[in-house]
Protein backbone atom coordinates (compact mmCIF):
# COMPACT_ATOMS: atom_id res chain seq x y z
CA MET A 1 0.00 0.00 0.00
CA THR A 2 1.39 3.41 -0.92
CA ASP A 3 1.19 6.75 0.88
CA GLU A 4 0.77 8.57 -2.40
CA ILE A 5 -2.10 9.25 -4.76
CA LYS A 6 -1.11 9.81 -8.38
CA ILE A 7 -3.32 11.91 -10.62
CA LYS A 8 -2.62 12.06 -14.32
CA LEU A 9 -3.31 15.39 -15.96
CA LYS A 10 -2.80 16.50 -19.55
CA ASP A 11 0.30 18.46 -18.55
CA GLY A 12 1.84 15.69 -16.48
CA GLU A 13 1.37 13.84 -13.26
CA VAL A 14 0.58 15.24 -9.82
CA ILE A 15 1.51 13.25 -6.75
CA LEU A 16 -0.42 13.93 -3.57
CA LYS A 17 0.46 12.47 -0.21
CA LYS A 18 -2.39 10.69 1.55
CA PRO A 19 -3.36 12.26 4.86
CA SER A 20 -2.15 10.40 7.92
CA ARG A 21 -4.46 8.80 10.48
CA LEU A 22 -4.20 12.02 12.49
CA SER A 23 -6.30 13.81 9.88
CA LYS A 24 -9.31 12.00 11.38
CA LEU A 25 -8.65 13.72 14.72
CA VAL A 26 -9.22 17.25 13.46
CA GLY A 27 -12.19 18.80 15.23
CA GLU A 28 -15.36 19.64 13.35
CA PRO A 29 -16.23 23.32 12.81
CA LEU A 30 -19.41 24.81 14.23
CA THR A 31 -21.52 27.35 12.34
CA VAL A 32 -23.31 29.88 14.54
CA THR A 33 -25.27 33.05 13.89
CA ILE A 34 -24.30 35.95 16.13
CA GLY A 35 -25.57 39.48 15.62
CA GLY A 36 -27.26 38.39 12.38
CA GLU A 37 -23.94 37.23 10.89
CA GLU A 38 -23.01 33.61 10.25
CA PHE A 39 -19.62 32.44 11.54
CA THR A 40 -17.97 29.05 11.09
CA LEU A 41 -15.86 28.57 14.19
CA LYS A 42 -12.96 26.15 13.99
CA PRO A 43 -11.80 24.29 17.06
CA LEU A 44 -8.53 25.26 18.66
CA THR A 45 -5.63 22.86 18.20
CA ILE A 46 -2.69 21.58 20.19
CA LYS A 47 -0.74 24.71 19.27
CA ASP A 48 -3.39 26.71 21.17
CA LEU A 49 -3.03 24.65 24.35
CA PRO A 50 -1.27 27.45 26.27
CA LEU A 51 -4.44 29.54 25.86
CA LEU A 52 -6.56 26.81 27.39
CA MET A 53 -4.08 26.17 30.19
CA SER A 54 -4.13 29.87 31.07
CA MET A 55 -7.88 29.64 31.61
CA ASN A 56 -7.16 27.82 34.88
CA ASP A 57 -4.55 30.26 36.16
CA PRO A 58 -5.19 31.62 39.68
CA SER A 59 -4.74 35.17 38.41
CA LEU A 60 -7.95 36.81 37.19
CA GLN A 61 -5.93 39.00 34.81
CA VAL A 62 -4.25 35.95 33.21
CA ARG A 63 -7.64 34.21 32.82
CA ASN A 64 -9.18 37.34 31.28
CA ASP A 65 -6.29 37.71 28.85
CA ALA A 66 -6.58 34.03 27.92
CA MET A 67 -10.31 34.40 27.15
CA ILE A 68 -9.68 37.52 25.05
CA ASN A 69 -6.89 35.72 23.18
CA MET A 70 -9.02 32.61 22.65
CA ILE A 71 -11.88 34.67 21.20
CA SER A 72 -9.48 36.72 19.07
CA GLU A 73 -7.72 33.63 17.72
CA THR A 74 -11.01 31.91 16.91
CA LEU A 75 -12.38 35.03 15.16
CA LYS A 76 -9.16 35.42 13.17
CA GLN A 77 -9.50 31.82 11.97
CA CYS A 78 -13.14 32.20 10.89
CA VAL A 79 -12.73 35.70 9.41
CA PRO A 80 -9.14 35.63 8.08
CA ASP A 81 -9.41 39.05 6.40
CA ALA A 82 -10.43 40.74 9.68
CA THR A 83 -7.84 43.02 11.22
CA ILE A 84 -6.86 42.93 14.88
CA GLU A 85 -8.45 46.37 15.21
CA GLU A 86 -11.77 45.04 13.88
CA ILE A 87 -11.64 42.04 16.20
CA ASN A 88 -10.88 44.29 19.18
CA LYS A 89 -13.92 46.44 18.33
CA VAL A 90 -16.43 43.57 18.50
CA GLY A 91 -19.01 44.69 21.06
CA LEU A 92 -19.20 43.13 24.50
CA THR A 93 -22.86 42.46 23.68
CA TYR A 94 -21.63 39.42 21.73
CA PHE A 95 -19.02 38.24 24.25
CA ARG A 96 -21.24 35.63 25.91
CA GLU A 97 -22.48 34.20 22.60
CA PHE A 98 -18.96 33.95 21.19
CA SER A 99 -17.47 32.49 24.38
CA GLU A 100 -20.25 29.87 24.65
CA ALA A 101 -19.89 28.91 20.97
CA ILE A 102 -16.10 28.69 21.32
CA MET A 103 -16.45 26.43 24.38
CA LYS A 104 -18.92 24.25 22.45
CA VAL A 105 -16.78 23.90 19.30
CA ASN A 106 -13.86 22.87 21.50
CA GLY A 107 -15.89 20.27 23.39
CA LEU A 108 -15.76 22.28 26.60
CA ASP A 109 -19.49 22.96 26.91
CA ASP A 110 -19.67 20.60 29.93
CA ASP A 111 -17.22 22.95 31.69
CA LEU A 112 -19.45 25.86 30.72
CA GLU A 113 -22.51 24.18 32.25
CA LYS A 114 -20.60 23.54 35.48
CA SER A 115 -19.60 27.19 35.73
CA LYS A 116 -23.18 28.55 35.41
CA PRO A 117 -24.84 29.55 38.67
CA ILE A 118 -27.42 27.14 40.01
CA LYS A 119 -30.95 28.51 39.72
CA GLU A 120 -33.36 27.65 42.49
């Protein structure tokens, strides 16, 4: 069995490498509508682990910065032509919706449920 796929074209041959088994472990995107706009949020990856680890830091400032960076990174991935200035100007009105959607796309919605206050 070969790791390559050969495609014959008129102008020659193209050789593509088959994806490894790890390609099956890429998280699925989540499409949400926030503020009347549709966004396809992509899950964070291993390279983003420091952001997630910072969410458990004892320092409130570090946790806040981590949440801001996680939202910014996710928005940059789903709207690649957005500038940092545009991302920074997203209204706080949408903070909760974005943060909940980001937790969900990353499989952390159980953590989100645990953090909600108990209603009597």
